[in-house]
Amino acid sequence: FAVRAIIKCICGGDQNKIKSISGRFLLHVYPGETLITE
């Protein structure tokens, strides 16, 4: 979900602009909750 948001908002919808991705999982998410990607 987070990388999709970055592709939409920063990459103009072009997924091939992505070179590398890092993610640290801090806390669980329950299905149905709303995600806000800053």
All heavy atoms as atom14 arrays in JSON, in Angstrom:
{
  "sequence": "FAVRAIIKCICGGDQNKIKSISGRFLLHVYPGETLITE",
  "atom14_mask": [
    [1, 1, 1, 1, 1, 1, 1, 1, 1, 1, 1, 0, 0, 0],
    [1, 1, 1, 1, 1, 0, 0, 0, 0, 0, 0, 0, 0, 0],
    [1, 1, 1, 1, 1, 1, 1, 0, 0, 0, 0, 0, 0, 0],
    [1, 1, 1, 1, 1, 1, 1, 1, 1, 1, 1, 0, 0, 0],
    [1, 1, 1, 1, 1, 0, 0, 0, 0, 0, 0, 0, 0, 0],
    [1, 1, 1, 1, 1, 1, 1, 1, 0, 0, 0, 0, 0, 0],
    [1, 1, 1, 1, 1, 1, 1, 1, 0, 0, 0, 0, 0, 0],
    [1, 1, 1, 1, 1, 1, 1, 1, 1, 0, 0, 0, 0, 0],
    [1, 1, 1, 1, 1, 1, 0, 0, 0, 0, 0, 0, 0, 0],
    [1, 1, 1, 1, 1, 1, 1, 1, 0, 0, 0, 0, 0, 0],
    [1, 1, 1, 1, 1, 1, 0, 0, 0, 0, 0, 0, 0, 0],
    [1, 1, 1, 1, 0, 0, 0, 0, 0, 0, 0, 0, 0, 0],
    [1, 1, 1, 1, 0, 0, 0, 0, 0, 0, 0, 0, 0, 0],
    [1, 1, 1, 1, 1, 1, 1, 1, 0, 0, 0, 0, 0, 0],
    [1, 1, 1, 1, 1, 1, 1, 1, 1, 0, 0, 0, 0, 0],
    [1, 1, 1, 1, 1, 1, 1, 1, 0, 0, 0, 0, 0, 0],
    [1, 1, 1, 1, 1, 1, 1, 1, 1, 0, 0, 0, 0, 0],
    [1, 1, 1, 1, 1, 1, 1, 1, 0, 0, 0, 0, 0, 0],
    [1, 1, 1, 1, 1, 1, 1, 1, 1, 0, 0, 0, 0, 0],
    [1, 1, 1, 1, 1, 1, 0, 0, 0, 0, 0, 0, 0, 0],
    [1, 1, 1, 1, 1, 1, 1, 1, 0, 0, 0, 0, 0, 0],
    [1, 1, 1, 1, 1, 1, 0, 0, 0, 0, 0, 0, 0, 0],
    [1, 1, 1, 1, 0, 0, 0, 0, 0, 0, 0, 0, 0, 0],
    [1, 1, 1, 1, 1, 1, 1, 1, 1, 1, 1, 0, 0, 0],
    [1, 1, 1, 1, 1, 1, 1, 1, 1, 1, 1, 0, 0, 0],
    [1, 1, 1, 1, 1, 1, 1, 1, 0, 0, 0, 0, 0, 0],
    [1, 1, 1, 1, 1, 1, 1, 1, 0, 0, 0, 0, 0, 0],
    [1, 1, 1, 1, 1, 1, 1, 1, 1, 1, 0, 0, 0, 0],
    [1, 1, 1, 1, 1, 1, 1, 0, 0, 0, 0, 0, 0, 0],
    [1, 1, 1, 1, 1, 1, 1, 1, 1, 1, 1, 1, 0, 0],
    [1, 1, 1, 1, 1, 1, 1, 0, 0, 0, 0, 0, 0, 0],
    [1, 1, 1, 1, 0, 0, 0, 0, 0, 0, 0, 0, 0, 0],
    [1, 1, 1, 1, 1, 1, 1, 1, 1, 0, 0, 0, 0, 0],
    [1, 1, 1, 1, 1, 1, 1, 0, 0, 0, 0, 0, 0, 0],
    [1, 1, 1, 1, 1, 1, 1, 1, 0, 0, 0, 0, 0, 0],
    [1, 1, 1, 1, 1, 1, 1, 1, 0, 0, 0, 0, 0, 0],
    [1, 1, 1, 1, 1, 1, 1, 0, 0, 0, 0, 0, 0, 0],
    [1, 1, 1, 1, 1, 1, 1, 1, 1, 0, 0, 0, 0, 0]
  ],
  "atom14_positions": [
    [[0.83, -1.2, 0.0], [0.0, 0.0, 0.0], [0.87, 1.26, 0.0], [0.61, 2.21, -0.73], [-0.91, 0.01, 1.24], [-2.26, -0.61, 1.02], [-2.42, -1.99, 1.07], [-3.38, 0.18, 0.78], [-3.66, -2.57, 0.88], [-4.63, -0.39, 0.58], [-4.79, -1.77, 0.63], [0.0, 0.0, 0.0], [0.0, 0.0, 0.0], [0.0, 0.0, 0.0]],
    [[1.93, 1.25, 0.83], [2.8, 2.43, 0.94], [3.53, 2.71, -0.37], [3.6, 3.86, -0.83], [3.8, 2.23, 2.07], [0.0, 0.0, 0.0], [0.0, 0.0, 0.0], [0.0, 0.0, 0.0], [0.0, 0.0, 0.0], [0.0, 0.0, 0.0], [0.0, 0.0, 0.0], [0.0, 0.0, 0.0], [0.0, 0.0, 0.0], [0.0, 0.0, 0.0]],
    [[4.08, 1.67, -0.99], [4.83, 1.86, -2.24], [3.89, 2.28, -3.37], [4.24, 3.12, -4.21], [5.62, 0.59, -2.59], [6.28, 0.72, -3.96], [6.68, 0.31, -1.52], [0.0, 0.0, 0.0], [0.0, 0.0, 0.0], [0.0, 0.0, 0.0], [0.0, 0.0, 0.0], [0.0, 0.0, 0.0], [0.0, 0.0, 0.0], [0.0, 0.0, 0.0]],
    [[2.68, 1.75, -3.39], [1.67, 2.2, -4.36], [1.41, 3.69, -4.21], [1.28, 4.42, -5.2], [0.36, 1.45, -4.17], [0.2, 0.15, -4.94], [-1.2, -0.41, -4.79], [-2.2, 0.61, -5.02], [-3.02, 1.12, -4.07], [-2.94, 0.69, -2.83], [-3.88, 2.04, -4.39], [0.0, 0.0, 0.0], [0.0, 0.0, 0.0], [0.0, 0.0, 0.0]],
    [[1.31, 4.15, -2.96], [1.06, 5.57, -2.71], [2.2, 6.42, -3.25], [1.97, 7.48, -3.85], [0.88, 5.81, -1.21], [0.0, 0.0, 0.0], [0.0, 0.0, 0.0], [0.0, 0.0, 0.0], [0.0, 0.0, 0.0], [0.0, 0.0, 0.0], [0.0, 0.0, 0.0], [0.0, 0.0, 0.0], [0.0, 0.0, 0.0], [0.0, 0.0, 0.0]],
    [[3.44, 5.95, -3.07], [4.6, 6.69, -3.56], [4.62, 6.7, -5.09], [4.93, 7.73, -5.72], [5.89, 6.06, -2.99], [5.97, 6.32, -1.48], [7.14, 6.62, -3.69], [7.03, 5.54, -0.76], [0.0, 0.0, 0.0], [0.0, 0.0, 0.0], [0.0, 0.0, 0.0], [0.0, 0.0, 0.0], [0.0, 0.0, 0.0], [0.0, 0.0, 0.0]],
    [[4.29, 5.58, -5.7], [4.23, 5.52, -7.17], [3.2, 6.51, -7.7], [3.44, 7.22, -8.69], [3.92, 4.09, -7.64], [5.11, 3.16, -7.32], [3.63, 4.06, -9.14], [4.81, 1.69, -7.54], [0.0, 0.0, 0.0], [0.0, 0.0, 0.0], [0.0, 0.0, 0.0], [0.0, 0.0, 0.0], [0.0, 0.0, 0.0], [0.0, 0.0, 0.0]],
    [[2.04, 6.59, -7.04], [0.98, 7.48, -7.5], [1.34, 8.95, -7.28], [1.16, 9.79, -8.17], [-0.33, 7.17, -6.75], [-1.01, 5.89, -7.17], [-2.22, 5.58, -6.3], [-3.35, 6.53, -6.54], [-4.04, 6.27, -7.83], [0.0, 0.0, 0.0], [0.0, 0.0, 0.0], [0.0, 0.0, 0.0], [0.0, 0.0, 0.0], [0.0, 0.0, 0.0]],
    [[1.87, 9.26, -6.11], [2.06, 10.66, -5.73], [3.4, 11.26, -6.15], [3.49, 12.46, -6.4], [1.91, 10.8, -4.21], [0.29, 10.34, -3.56], [0.0, 0.0, 0.0], [0.0, 0.0, 0.0], [0.0, 0.0, 0.0], [0.0, 0.0, 0.0], [0.0, 0.0, 0.0], [0.0, 0.0, 0.0], [0.0, 0.0, 0.0], [0.0, 0.0, 0.0]],
    [[4.45, 10.43, -6.2], [5.8, 10.93, -6.48], [6.27, 10.52, -7.88], [6.94, 11.3, -8.56], [6.81, 10.42, -5.43], [6.35, 10.77, -4.01], [8.2, 10.96, -5.72], [6.37, 12.23, -3.69], [0.0, 0.0, 0.0], [0.0, 0.0, 0.0], [0.0, 0.0, 0.0], [0.0, 0.0, 0.0], [0.0, 0.0, 0.0], [0.0, 0.0, 0.0]],
    [[5.94, 9.3, -8.29], [6.47, 8.76, -9.55], [5.55, 8.98, -10.74], [5.84, 8.46, -11.83], [6.74, 7.26, -9.39], [7.91, 6.85, -8.09], [0.0, 0.0, 0.0], [0.0, 0.0, 0.0], [0.0, 0.0, 0.0], [0.0, 0.0, 0.0], [0.0, 0.0, 0.0], [0.0, 0.0, 0.0], [0.0, 0.0, 0.0], [0.0, 0.0, 0.0]],
    [[4.46, 9.72, -10.57], [3.55, 9.97, -11.68], [2.94, 8.7, -12.24], [2.58, 8.64, -13.43], [0.0, 0.0, 0.0], [0.0, 0.0, 0.0], [0.0, 0.0, 0.0], [0.0, 0.0, 0.0], [0.0, 0.0, 0.0], [0.0, 0.0, 0.0], [0.0, 0.0, 0.0], [0.0, 0.0, 0.0], [0.0, 0.0, 0.0], [0.0, 0.0, 0.0]],
    [[2.83, 7.66, -11.4], [2.24, 6.39, -11.83], [3.21, 5.45, -12.51], [2.81, 4.36, -12.94], [0.0, 0.0, 0.0], [0.0, 0.0, 0.0], [0.0, 0.0, 0.0], [0.0, 0.0, 0.0], [0.0, 0.0, 0.0], [0.0, 0.0, 0.0], [0.0, 0.0, 0.0], [0.0, 0.0, 0.0], [0.0, 0.0, 0.0], [0.0, 0.0, 0.0]],
    [[4.49, 5.82, -12.6], [5.48, 4.98, -13.28], [6.23, 4.12, -12.25], [7.16, 4.59, -11.58], [6.47, 5.86, -14.05], [7.49, 5.05, -14.84], [7.45, 3.8, -14.78], [8.33, 5.67, -15.53], [0.0, 0.0, 0.0], [0.0, 0.0, 0.0], [0.0, 0.0, 0.0], [0.0, 0.0, 0.0], [0.0, 0.0, 0.0], [0.0, 0.0, 0.0]],
    [[5.85, 2.85, -12.15], [6.45, 1.95, -11.17], [7.91, 1.64, -11.48], [8.67, 1.23, -10.59], [5.65, 0.64, -11.08], [5.85, -0.33, -12.23], [5.08, 0.04, -13.49], [4.39, 1.05, -13.53], [5.2, -0.81, -14.51], [0.0, 0.0, 0.0], [0.0, 0.0, 0.0], [0.0, 0.0, 0.0], [0.0, 0.0, 0.0], [0.0, 0.0, 0.0]],
    [[8.33, 1.87, -12.7], [9.72, 1.56, -13.09], [10.72, 2.61, -12.61], [11.93, 2.46, -12.82], [9.82, 1.39, -14.6], [9.06, 0.16, -15.08], [8.98, -0.84, -14.37], [8.48, 0.24, -16.27], [0.0, 0.0, 0.0], [0.0, 0.0, 0.0], [0.0, 0.0, 0.0], [0.0, 0.0, 0.0], [0.0, 0.0, 0.0], [0.0, 0.0, 0.0]],
    [[10.23, 3.66, -11.94], [11.14, 4.63, -11.34], [11.7, 4.12, -10.01], [12.65, 4.7, -9.46], [10.42, 5.97, -11.11], [10.14, 6.77, -12.38], [9.63, 8.15, -12.02], [9.51, 9.05, -13.25], [8.4, 8.68, -14.11], [0.0, 0.0, 0.0], [0.0, 0.0, 0.0], [0.0, 0.0, 0.0], [0.0, 0.0, 0.0], [0.0, 0.0, 0.0]],
    [[11.14, 3.05, -9.48], [11.57, 2.53, -8.18], [12.88, 1.76, -8.33], [12.99, 0.83, -9.14], [10.51, 1.59, -7.58], [9.17, 2.33, -7.42], [10.99, 1.03, -6.26], [9.17, 3.41, -6.39], [0.0, 0.0, 0.0], [0.0, 0.0, 0.0], [0.0, 0.0, 0.0], [0.0, 0.0, 0.0], [0.0, 0.0, 0.0], [0.0, 0.0, 0.0]],
    [[13.87, 2.15, -7.53], [15.18, 1.49, -7.55], [15.36, 0.55, -6.36], [15.83, -0.58, -6.5], [16.28, 2.56, -7.56], [17.7, 2.01, -7.59], [18.72, 3.15, -7.6], [20.14, 2.63, -7.63], [21.13, 3.76, -7.61], [0.0, 0.0, 0.0], [0.0, 0.0, 0.0], [0.0, 0.0, 0.0], [0.0, 0.0, 0.0], [0.0, 0.0, 0.0]],
    [[15.01, 1.02, -5.17], [15.1, 0.18, -3.98], [14.06, 0.63, -2.97], [13.58, 1.77, -2.99], [16.5, 0.23, -3.37], [16.78, 1.51, -2.86], [0.0, 0.0, 0.0], [0.0, 0.0, 0.0], [0.0, 0.0, 0.0], [0.0, 0.0, 0.0], [0.0, 0.0, 0.0], [0.0, 0.0, 0.0], [0.0, 0.0, 0.0], [0.0, 0.0, 0.0]],
    [[13.72, -0.29, -2.06], [12.66, -0.06, -1.08], [13.13, -0.61, 0.26], [13.66, -1.72, 0.33], [11.36, -0.8, -1.49], [10.86, -0.34, -2.86], [10.28, -0.62, -0.41], [9.86, -1.29, -3.49], [0.0, 0.0, 0.0], [0.0, 0.0, 0.0], [0.0, 0.0, 0.0], [0.0, 0.0, 0.0], [0.0, 0.0, 0.0], [0.0, 0.0, 0.0]],
    [[12.93, 0.16, 1.31], [13.16, -0.36, 2.66], [11.93, -0.1, 3.5], [11.25, 0.93, 3.33], [14.4, 0.27, 3.3], [14.17, 1.63, 3.61], [0.0, 0.0, 0.0], [0.0, 0.0, 0.0], [0.0, 0.0, 0.0], [0.0, 0.0, 0.0], [0.0, 0.0, 0.0], [0.0, 0.0, 0.0], [0.0, 0.0, 0.0], [0.0, 0.0, 0.0]],
    [[11.64, -1.02, 4.39], [10.5, -0.85, 5.26], [10.75, -1.48, 6.61], [11.31, -2.58, 6.69], [0.0, 0.0, 0.0], [0.0, 0.0, 0.0], [0.0, 0.0, 0.0], [0.0, 0.0, 0.0], [0.0, 0.0, 0.0], [0.0, 0.0, 0.0], [0.0, 0.0, 0.0], [0.0, 0.0, 0.0], [0.0, 0.0, 0.0], [0.0, 0.0, 0.0]],
    [[10.36, -0.79, 7.66], [10.45, -1.32, 9.02], [9.04, -1.41, 9.58], [8.31, -0.41, 9.62], [11.32, -0.42, 9.9], [11.35, -0.84, 11.37], [12.25, 0.09, 12.17], [13.66, -0.14, 11.85], [14.64, 0.69, 12.21], [14.35, 1.8, 12.84], [15.89, 0.38, 11.91], [0.0, 0.0, 0.0], [0.0, 0.0, 0.0], [0.0, 0.0, 0.0]],
    [[8.66, -2.61, 9.99], [7.31, -2.84, 10.5], [7.27, -2.49, 11.98], [7.95, -3.12, 12.8], [6.9, -4.29, 10.24], [7.01, -4.67, 8.79], [8.04, -5.49, 8.35], [6.11, -4.19, 7.86], [8.16, -5.83, 7.02], [6.23, -4.52, 6.51], [7.25, -5.34, 6.09], [0.0, 0.0, 0.0], [0.0, 0.0, 0.0], [0.0, 0.0, 0.0]],
    [[6.48, -1.49, 12.32], [6.47, -0.94, 13.67], [5.31, -1.45, 14.52], [5.43, -1.59, 15.73], [6.4, 0.6, 13.6], [7.46, 1.29, 12.76], [7.16, 2.78, 12.65], [8.85, 1.05, 13.35], [0.0, 0.0, 0.0], [0.0, 0.0, 0.0], [0.0, 0.0, 0.0], [0.0, 0.0, 0.0], [0.0, 0.0, 0.0], [0.0, 0.0, 0.0]],
    [[4.18, -1.7, 13.88], [2.98, -2.09, 14.61], [2.02, -2.78, 13.64], [2.07, -2.54, 12.43], [2.31, -0.84, 15.21], [1.2, -1.05, 16.24], [1.77, -1.67, 17.53], [0.54, 0.3, 16.57], [0.0, 0.0, 0.0], [0.0, 0.0, 0.0], [0.0, 0.0, 0.0], [0.0, 0.0, 0.0], [0.0, 0.0, 0.0], [0.0, 0.0, 0.0]],
    [[1.17, -3.62, 14.17], [0.21, -4.36, 13.35], [-0.87, -3.43, 12.79], [-1.14, -2.35, 13.32], [-0.44, -5.47, 14.17], [-1.19, -4.98, 15.36], [-0.56, -4.64, 16.55], [-2.5, -4.73, 15.56], [-1.46, -4.23, 17.42], [-2.66, -4.26, 16.84], [0.0, 0.0, 0.0], [0.0, 0.0, 0.0], [0.0, 0.0, 0.0], [0.0, 0.0, 0.0]],
    [[-1.5, -3.89, 11.71], [-2.66, -3.23, 11.11], [-3.8, -4.22, 11.09], [-3.61, -5.4, 10.75], [-2.35, -2.77, 9.66], [-3.6, -2.19, 9.0], [-1.21, -1.76, 9.64], [0.0, 0.0, 0.0], [0.0, 0.0, 0.0], [0.0, 0.0, 0.0], [0.0, 0.0, 0.0], [0.0, 0.0, 0.0], [0.0, 0.0, 0.0], [0.0, 0.0, 0.0]],
    [[-4.98, -3.77, 11.46], [-6.17, -4.62, 11.37], [-6.87, -4.33, 10.04], [-7.04, -3.16, 9.66], [-7.14, -4.34, 12.51], [-6.67, -4.86, 13.86], [-6.4, -3.99, 14.91], [-6.5, -6.23, 14.08], [-5.97, -4.46, 16.14], [-6.07, -6.71, 15.32], [-5.81, -5.82, 16.34], [-5.38, -6.29, 17.56], [0.0, 0.0, 0.0], [0.0, 0.0, 0.0]],
    [[-7.26, -5.37, 9.3], [-8.0, -5.15, 8.06], [-9.23, -4.27, 8.32], [-9.95, -4.46, 9.3], [-8.4, -6.57, 7.65], [-7.35, -7.44, 8.24], [-7.02, -6.81, 9.56], [0.0, 0.0, 0.0], [0.0, 0.0, 0.0], [0.0, 0.0, 0.0], [0.0, 0.0, 0.0], [0.0, 0.0, 0.0], [0.0, 0.0, 0.0], [0.0, 0.0, 0.0]],
    [[-9.43, -3.32, 7.43], [-10.53, -2.37, 7.59], [-10.08, -1.02, 8.09], [-10.82, -0.03, 8.0], [0.0, 0.0, 0.0], [0.0, 0.0, 0.0], [0.0, 0.0, 0.0], [0.0, 0.0, 0.0], [0.0, 0.0, 0.0], [0.0, 0.0, 0.0], [0.0, 0.0, 0.0], [0.0, 0.0, 0.0], [0.0, 0.0, 0.0], [0.0, 0.0, 0.0]],
    [[-8.84, -0.94, 8.61], [-8.33, 0.34, 9.09], [-7.85, 1.21, 7.93], [-7.58, 0.71, 6.83], [-7.19, 0.12, 10.09], [-7.67, -0.48, 11.41], [-6.59, -0.55, 12.47], [-5.48, -1.02, 12.15], [-6.86, -0.15, 13.61], [0.0, 0.0, 0.0], [0.0, 0.0, 0.0], [0.0, 0.0, 0.0], [0.0, 0.0, 0.0], [0.0, 0.0, 0.0]],
    [[-7.74, 2.5, 8.19], [-7.34, 3.47, 7.18], [-5.85, 3.77, 7.3], [-5.35, 4.07, 8.39], [-8.13, 4.78, 7.35], [-9.54, 4.49, 7.32], [-7.8, 5.77, 6.24], [0.0, 0.0, 0.0], [0.0, 0.0, 0.0], [0.0, 0.0, 0.0], [0.0, 0.0, 0.0], [0.0, 0.0, 0.0], [0.0, 0.0, 0.0], [0.0, 0.0, 0.0]],
    [[-5.14, 3.68, 6.17], [-3.7, 3.94, 6.14], [-3.43, 5.32, 5.57], [-3.95, 5.67, 4.5], [-2.98, 2.88, 5.3], [-3.13, 1.43, 5.76], [-2.38, 0.5, 4.81], [-2.63, 1.25, 7.18], [0.0, 0.0, 0.0], [0.0, 0.0, 0.0], [0.0, 0.0, 0.0], [0.0, 0.0, 0.0], [0.0, 0.0, 0.0], [0.0, 0.0, 0.0]],
    [[-2.64, 6.09, 6.3], [-2.22, 7.41, 5.84], [-0.71, 7.35, 5.57], [0.07, 7.14, 6.5], [-2.53, 8.5, 6.88], [-4.03, 8.57, 7.15], [-2.02, 9.86, 6.39], [-4.4, 9.53, 8.27], [0.0, 0.0, 0.0], [0.0, 0.0, 0.0], [0.0, 0.0, 0.0], [0.0, 0.0, 0.0], [0.0, 0.0, 0.0], [0.0, 0.0, 0.0]],
    [[-0.32, 7.5, 4.31], [1.1, 7.47, 3.94], [1.6, 8.89, 3.75], [1.11, 9.63, 2.9], [1.32, 6.66, 2.65], [0.81, 5.33, 2.82], [2.8, 6.58, 2.31], [0.0, 0.0, 0.0], [0.0, 0.0, 0.0], [0.0, 0.0, 0.0], [0.0, 0.0, 0.0], [0.0, 0.0, 0.0], [0.0, 0.0, 0.0], [0.0, 0.0, 0.0]],
    [[2.57, 9.27, 4.59], [3.19, 10.59, 4.51], [4.53, 10.44, 3.81], [5.29, 9.52, 4.11], [3.38, 11.18, 5.91], [2.08, 11.34, 6.69], [2.31, 11.73, 8.14], [3.33, 11.26, 8.72], [1.49, 12.48, 8.67], [0.0, 0.0, 0.0], [0.0, 0.0, 0.0], [0.0, 0.0, 0.0], [0.0, 0.0, 0.0], [0.0, 0.0, 0.0]]
  ]
}
